[in-house]
Amino acid sequence: QKADAKPAATAAGNSLKLRFAQPAWIEVRDGRDEVLVSGFRPADSEREITGQPPFSLVLGNAKHVTVEYNGKPIDLEPHISKGVARLTLK
């Protein structure tokens, strides 16, 4: 992992922060359609992701996930169907 690349990418303003109150499955793709993160995340964890927007998110167990995009909270409720949220953040 490139720990030194993270601060510069965050400063550019394209960062996602995901917090998991319960275990959840996630997939995050960037604007180049590359998978940045995929897999299960444990309860009481968080993940910060930086990349090239737009970000495409698929979040399982979504009502137990909170998302911040560039420091602003994102309301997942309108995007949740059968427990899974699908949305794109530009």
N, C-alpha and C. Protein backbone atom coordinates (compact mmCIF):
# COMPACT_ATOMS: atom_id res chain seq x y z
N GLN A 1 0.83 -1.19 0.00
CA GLN A 1 0.00 0.00 0.00
C GLN A 1 0.86 1.24 0.00
N LYS A 2 0.41 2.26 -0.71
CA LYS A 2 1.16 3.50 -0.82
C LYS A 2 0.66 4.50 0.21
N ALA A 3 1.14 4.41 1.42
CA ALA A 3 0.69 5.30 2.49
C ALA A 3 1.04 6.75 2.17
N ASP A 4 2.16 6.97 1.47
CA ASP A 4 2.59 8.34 1.18
C ASP A 4 1.71 9.00 0.12
N ALA A 5 0.97 8.24 -0.69
CA ALA A 5 0.13 8.82 -1.74
C ALA A 5 -1.21 9.31 -1.18
N LYS A 6 -1.61 8.82 -0.03
CA LYS A 6 -2.93 9.14 0.51
C LYS A 6 -3.16 10.61 0.81
N PRO A 7 -2.27 11.30 1.54
CA PRO A 7 -2.54 12.70 1.86
C PRO A 7 -2.71 13.57 0.63
N ALA A 8 -1.89 13.38 -0.40
CA ALA A 8 -2.00 14.19 -1.61
C ALA A 8 -3.34 13.94 -2.30
N ALA A 9 -3.77 12.69 -2.36
CA ALA A 9 -5.05 12.37 -3.00
C ALA A 9 -6.21 12.97 -2.21
N THR A 10 -6.13 12.90 -0.88
CA THR A 10 -7.17 13.47 -0.04
C THR A 10 -7.22 14.98 -0.23
N ALA A 11 -6.07 15.62 -0.33
CA ALA A 11 -6.02 17.06 -0.53
C ALA A 11 -6.67 17.46 -1.85
N ALA A 12 -6.60 16.58 -2.83
CA ALA A 12 -7.22 16.85 -4.13
C ALA A 12 -8.74 16.84 -4.01
N GLY A 13 -9.28 16.28 -2.93
CA GLY A 13 -10.70 16.38 -2.66
C GLY A 13 -11.55 15.25 -3.17
N ASN A 14 -10.97 14.14 -3.58
CA ASN A 14 -11.77 13.02 -4.07
C ASN A 14 -11.64 11.85 -3.12
N SER A 15 -12.22 12.00 -1.92
CA SER A 15 -12.08 10.93 -0.95
C SER A 15 -13.44 10.47 -0.44
N LEU A 16 -13.53 9.18 -0.24
CA LEU A 16 -14.70 8.54 0.35
C LEU A 16 -14.29 7.99 1.69
N LYS A 17 -15.16 8.13 2.68
CA LYS A 17 -14.93 7.49 3.97
C LYS A 17 -16.16 6.66 4.26
N LEU A 18 -15.96 5.36 4.45
CA LEU A 18 -17.05 4.44 4.75
C LEU A 18 -16.87 3.91 6.16
N ARG A 19 -17.96 3.90 6.92
CA ARG A 19 -17.94 3.35 8.28
C ARG A 19 -18.97 2.23 8.35
N PHE A 20 -18.61 1.16 9.04
CA PHE A 20 -19.44 -0.04 9.08
C PHE A 20 -19.84 -0.35 10.51
N ALA A 21 -21.13 -0.17 10.84
CA ALA A 21 -21.63 -0.50 12.17
C ALA A 21 -21.85 -2.01 12.29
N GLN A 22 -22.15 -2.66 11.17
CA GLN A 22 -22.33 -4.10 11.08
C GLN A 22 -21.47 -4.60 9.91
N PRO A 23 -21.20 -5.89 9.83
CA PRO A 23 -20.45 -6.40 8.69
C PRO A 23 -21.19 -6.07 7.39
N ALA A 24 -20.44 -5.72 6.36
CA ALA A 24 -21.04 -5.33 5.09
C ALA A 24 -20.13 -5.72 3.94
N TRP A 25 -20.74 -5.95 2.80
CA TRP A 25 -20.00 -6.23 1.58
C TRP A 25 -19.96 -4.95 0.76
N ILE A 26 -18.80 -4.60 0.20
CA ILE A 26 -18.71 -3.39 -0.60
C ILE A 26 -17.95 -3.64 -1.90
N GLU A 27 -18.31 -2.84 -2.91
CA GLU A 27 -17.50 -2.75 -4.11
C GLU A 27 -17.50 -1.28 -4.52
N VAL A 28 -16.33 -0.74 -4.72
CA VAL A 28 -16.19 0.66 -5.14
C VAL A 28 -15.33 0.68 -6.41
N ARG A 29 -15.88 1.31 -7.45
CA ARG A 29 -15.14 1.49 -8.70
C ARG A 29 -14.91 2.98 -8.93
N ASP A 30 -13.82 3.30 -9.61
CA ASP A 30 -13.54 4.70 -9.90
C ASP A 30 -14.01 5.06 -11.31
N GLY A 31 -13.69 6.28 -11.74
CA GLY A 31 -14.12 6.78 -13.04
C GLY A 31 -13.54 6.02 -14.22
N ARG A 32 -12.47 5.27 -13.98
CA ARG A 32 -11.87 4.44 -15.03
C ARG A 32 -12.45 3.02 -15.01
N ASP A 33 -13.47 2.82 -14.16
CA ASP A 33 -14.12 1.52 -13.98
C ASP A 33 -13.18 0.48 -13.38
N GLU A 34 -12.16 0.96 -12.65
CA GLU A 34 -11.28 0.05 -11.93
C GLU A 34 -11.86 -0.20 -10.54
N VAL A 35 -11.80 -1.46 -10.10
CA VAL A 35 -12.27 -1.79 -8.76
C VAL A 35 -11.21 -1.32 -7.75
N LEU A 36 -11.60 -0.38 -6.89
CA LEU A 36 -10.69 0.13 -5.87
C LEU A 36 -10.74 -0.73 -4.61
N VAL A 37 -11.95 -1.17 -4.26
CA VAL A 37 -12.16 -1.98 -3.06
C VAL A 37 -13.27 -2.97 -3.37
N SER A 38 -13.11 -4.20 -2.94
CA SER A 38 -14.16 -5.20 -3.09
C SER A 38 -14.01 -6.22 -1.97
N GLY A 39 -15.15 -6.56 -1.33
CA GLY A 39 -15.10 -7.61 -0.32
C GLY A 39 -15.86 -7.23 0.95
N PHE A 40 -15.74 -8.11 1.94
CA PHE A 40 -16.42 -7.90 3.21
C PHE A 40 -15.61 -6.99 4.12
N ARG A 41 -16.32 -6.16 4.87
CA ARG A 41 -15.71 -5.32 5.90
C ARG A 41 -16.32 -5.70 7.23
N PRO A 42 -15.52 -5.78 8.28
CA PRO A 42 -16.06 -6.18 9.59
C PRO A 42 -16.83 -5.04 10.26
N ALA A 43 -17.64 -5.41 11.24
CA ALA A 43 -18.36 -4.43 12.05
C ALA A 43 -17.36 -3.53 12.76
N ASP A 44 -17.79 -2.30 13.04
CA ASP A 44 -16.98 -1.32 13.77
C ASP A 44 -15.64 -1.04 13.10
N SER A 45 -15.66 -1.00 11.76
CA SER A 45 -14.44 -0.65 11.03
C SER A 45 -14.74 0.53 10.13
N GLU A 46 -13.70 1.08 9.55
CA GLU A 46 -13.90 2.12 8.55
C GLU A 46 -12.85 1.98 7.47
N ARG A 47 -13.15 2.58 6.33
CA ARG A 47 -12.25 2.48 5.18
C ARG A 47 -12.25 3.82 4.46
N GLU A 48 -11.07 4.34 4.19
CA GLU A 48 -10.96 5.56 3.41
C GLU A 48 -10.46 5.20 2.02
N ILE A 49 -11.08 5.78 1.01
CA ILE A 49 -10.77 5.44 -0.37
C ILE A 49 -10.56 6.75 -1.13
N THR A 50 -9.50 6.81 -1.90
CA THR A 50 -9.29 7.97 -2.77
C THR A 50 -9.15 7.48 -4.20
N GLY A 51 -9.53 8.33 -5.13
CA GLY A 51 -9.44 7.94 -6.52
C GLY A 51 -10.03 8.98 -7.44
N GLN A 52 -10.25 8.57 -8.67
CA GLN A 52 -10.76 9.44 -9.72
C GLN A 52 -12.27 9.26 -9.84
N PRO A 53 -13.06 10.33 -9.54
CA PRO A 53 -14.51 10.20 -9.68
C PRO A 53 -14.92 10.13 -11.16
N PRO A 54 -16.14 9.71 -11.46
CA PRO A 54 -17.19 9.34 -10.49
C PRO A 54 -16.93 7.98 -9.87
N PHE A 55 -17.37 7.84 -8.61
CA PHE A 55 -17.26 6.57 -7.90
C PHE A 55 -18.58 5.82 -8.02
N SER A 56 -18.50 4.55 -8.32
CA SER A 56 -19.68 3.69 -8.38
C SER A 56 -19.61 2.77 -7.16
N LEU A 57 -20.66 2.80 -6.33
CA LEU A 57 -20.67 2.03 -5.09
C LEU A 57 -21.77 1.00 -5.10
N VAL A 58 -21.45 -0.19 -4.61
CA VAL A 58 -22.44 -1.21 -4.29
C VAL A 58 -22.16 -1.59 -2.85
N LEU A 59 -23.16 -1.41 -1.98
CA LEU A 59 -22.97 -1.64 -0.55
C LEU A 59 -24.02 -2.63 -0.05
N GLY A 60 -23.57 -3.80 0.40
CA GLY A 60 -24.48 -4.75 1.02
C GLY A 60 -24.67 -4.40 2.49
N ASN A 61 -25.84 -4.76 3.04
CA ASN A 61 -26.17 -4.40 4.43
C ASN A 61 -26.07 -2.88 4.61
N ALA A 62 -26.55 -2.16 3.60
CA ALA A 62 -26.29 -0.72 3.46
C ALA A 62 -26.83 0.14 4.59
N LYS A 63 -27.90 -0.31 5.25
CA LYS A 63 -28.43 0.54 6.32
C LYS A 63 -27.49 0.62 7.52
N HIS A 64 -26.46 -0.21 7.52
CA HIS A 64 -25.47 -0.17 8.61
C HIS A 64 -24.14 0.44 8.15
N VAL A 65 -24.18 1.10 6.98
CA VAL A 65 -22.99 1.74 6.44
C VAL A 65 -23.24 3.24 6.34
N THR A 66 -22.26 4.04 6.76
CA THR A 66 -22.34 5.48 6.53
C THR A 66 -21.23 5.87 5.57
N VAL A 67 -21.56 6.80 4.67
CA VAL A 67 -20.62 7.22 3.64
C VAL A 67 -20.45 8.73 3.71
N GLU A 68 -19.20 9.17 3.66
CA GLU A 68 -18.90 10.60 3.50
C GLU A 68 -18.12 10.75 2.21
N TYR A 69 -18.51 11.74 1.40
CA TYR A 69 -17.80 12.03 0.16
C TYR A 69 -17.26 13.45 0.27
N ASN A 70 -15.94 13.59 0.23
CA ASN A 70 -15.28 14.88 0.41
C ASN A 70 -15.76 15.57 1.68
N GLY A 71 -15.95 14.78 2.75
CA GLY A 71 -16.32 15.32 4.05
C GLY A 71 -17.81 15.55 4.25
N LYS A 72 -18.63 15.31 3.21
CA LYS A 72 -20.08 15.52 3.33
C LYS A 72 -20.79 14.18 3.45
N PRO A 73 -21.71 14.05 4.41
CA PRO A 73 -22.45 12.79 4.54
C PRO A 73 -23.36 12.55 3.34
N ILE A 74 -23.46 11.32 2.92
CA ILE A 74 -24.32 10.92 1.80
C ILE A 74 -25.50 10.13 2.35
N ASP A 75 -26.71 10.52 1.95
CA ASP A 75 -27.92 9.80 2.35
C ASP A 75 -28.10 8.58 1.46
N LEU A 76 -27.89 7.40 2.04
CA LEU A 76 -28.00 6.16 1.26
C LEU A 76 -29.44 5.69 1.10
N GLU A 77 -30.33 6.13 1.98
CA GLU A 77 -31.70 5.60 2.02
C GLU A 77 -32.40 5.56 0.65
N PRO A 78 -32.34 6.64 -0.16
CA PRO A 78 -33.03 6.58 -1.46
C PRO A 78 -32.44 5.56 -2.43
N HIS A 79 -31.23 5.07 -2.14
CA HIS A 79 -30.53 4.16 -3.06
C HIS A 79 -30.61 2.71 -2.62
N ILE A 80 -31.26 2.44 -1.47
CA ILE A 80 -31.29 1.09 -0.92
C ILE A 80 -32.50 0.32 -1.44
N SER A 81 -32.22 -0.88 -1.95
CA SER A 81 -33.27 -1.80 -2.36
C SER A 81 -32.87 -3.19 -1.88
N LYS A 82 -33.75 -3.83 -1.11
CA LYS A 82 -33.48 -5.17 -0.57
C LYS A 82 -32.15 -5.21 0.19
N GLY A 83 -31.87 -4.12 0.92
CA GLY A 83 -30.67 -4.09 1.76
C GLY A 83 -29.39 -3.68 1.06
N VAL A 84 -29.46 -3.50 -0.27
CA VAL A 84 -28.26 -3.17 -1.05
C VAL A 84 -28.40 -1.76 -1.63
N ALA A 85 -27.39 -0.93 -1.43
CA ALA A 85 -27.37 0.41 -2.03
C ALA A 85 -26.49 0.40 -3.26
N ARG A 86 -27.03 1.00 -4.34
CA ARG A 86 -26.24 1.20 -5.57
C ARG A 86 -26.32 2.66 -5.91
N LEU A 87 -25.16 3.31 -6.02
CA LEU A 87 -25.17 4.73 -6.34
C LEU A 87 -23.85 5.14 -6.98
N THR A 88 -23.89 6.31 -7.61
CA THR A 88 -22.70 6.89 -8.23
C THR A 88 -22.50 8.27 -7.63
N LEU A 89 -21.28 8.56 -7.22
CA LEU A 89 -20.92 9.87 -6.66
C LEU A 89 -19.97 10.56 -7.62
N LYS A 90 -20.36 11.76 -8.06
CA LYS A 90 -19.56 12.49 -9.06
C LYS A 90 -18.72 13.56 -8.41
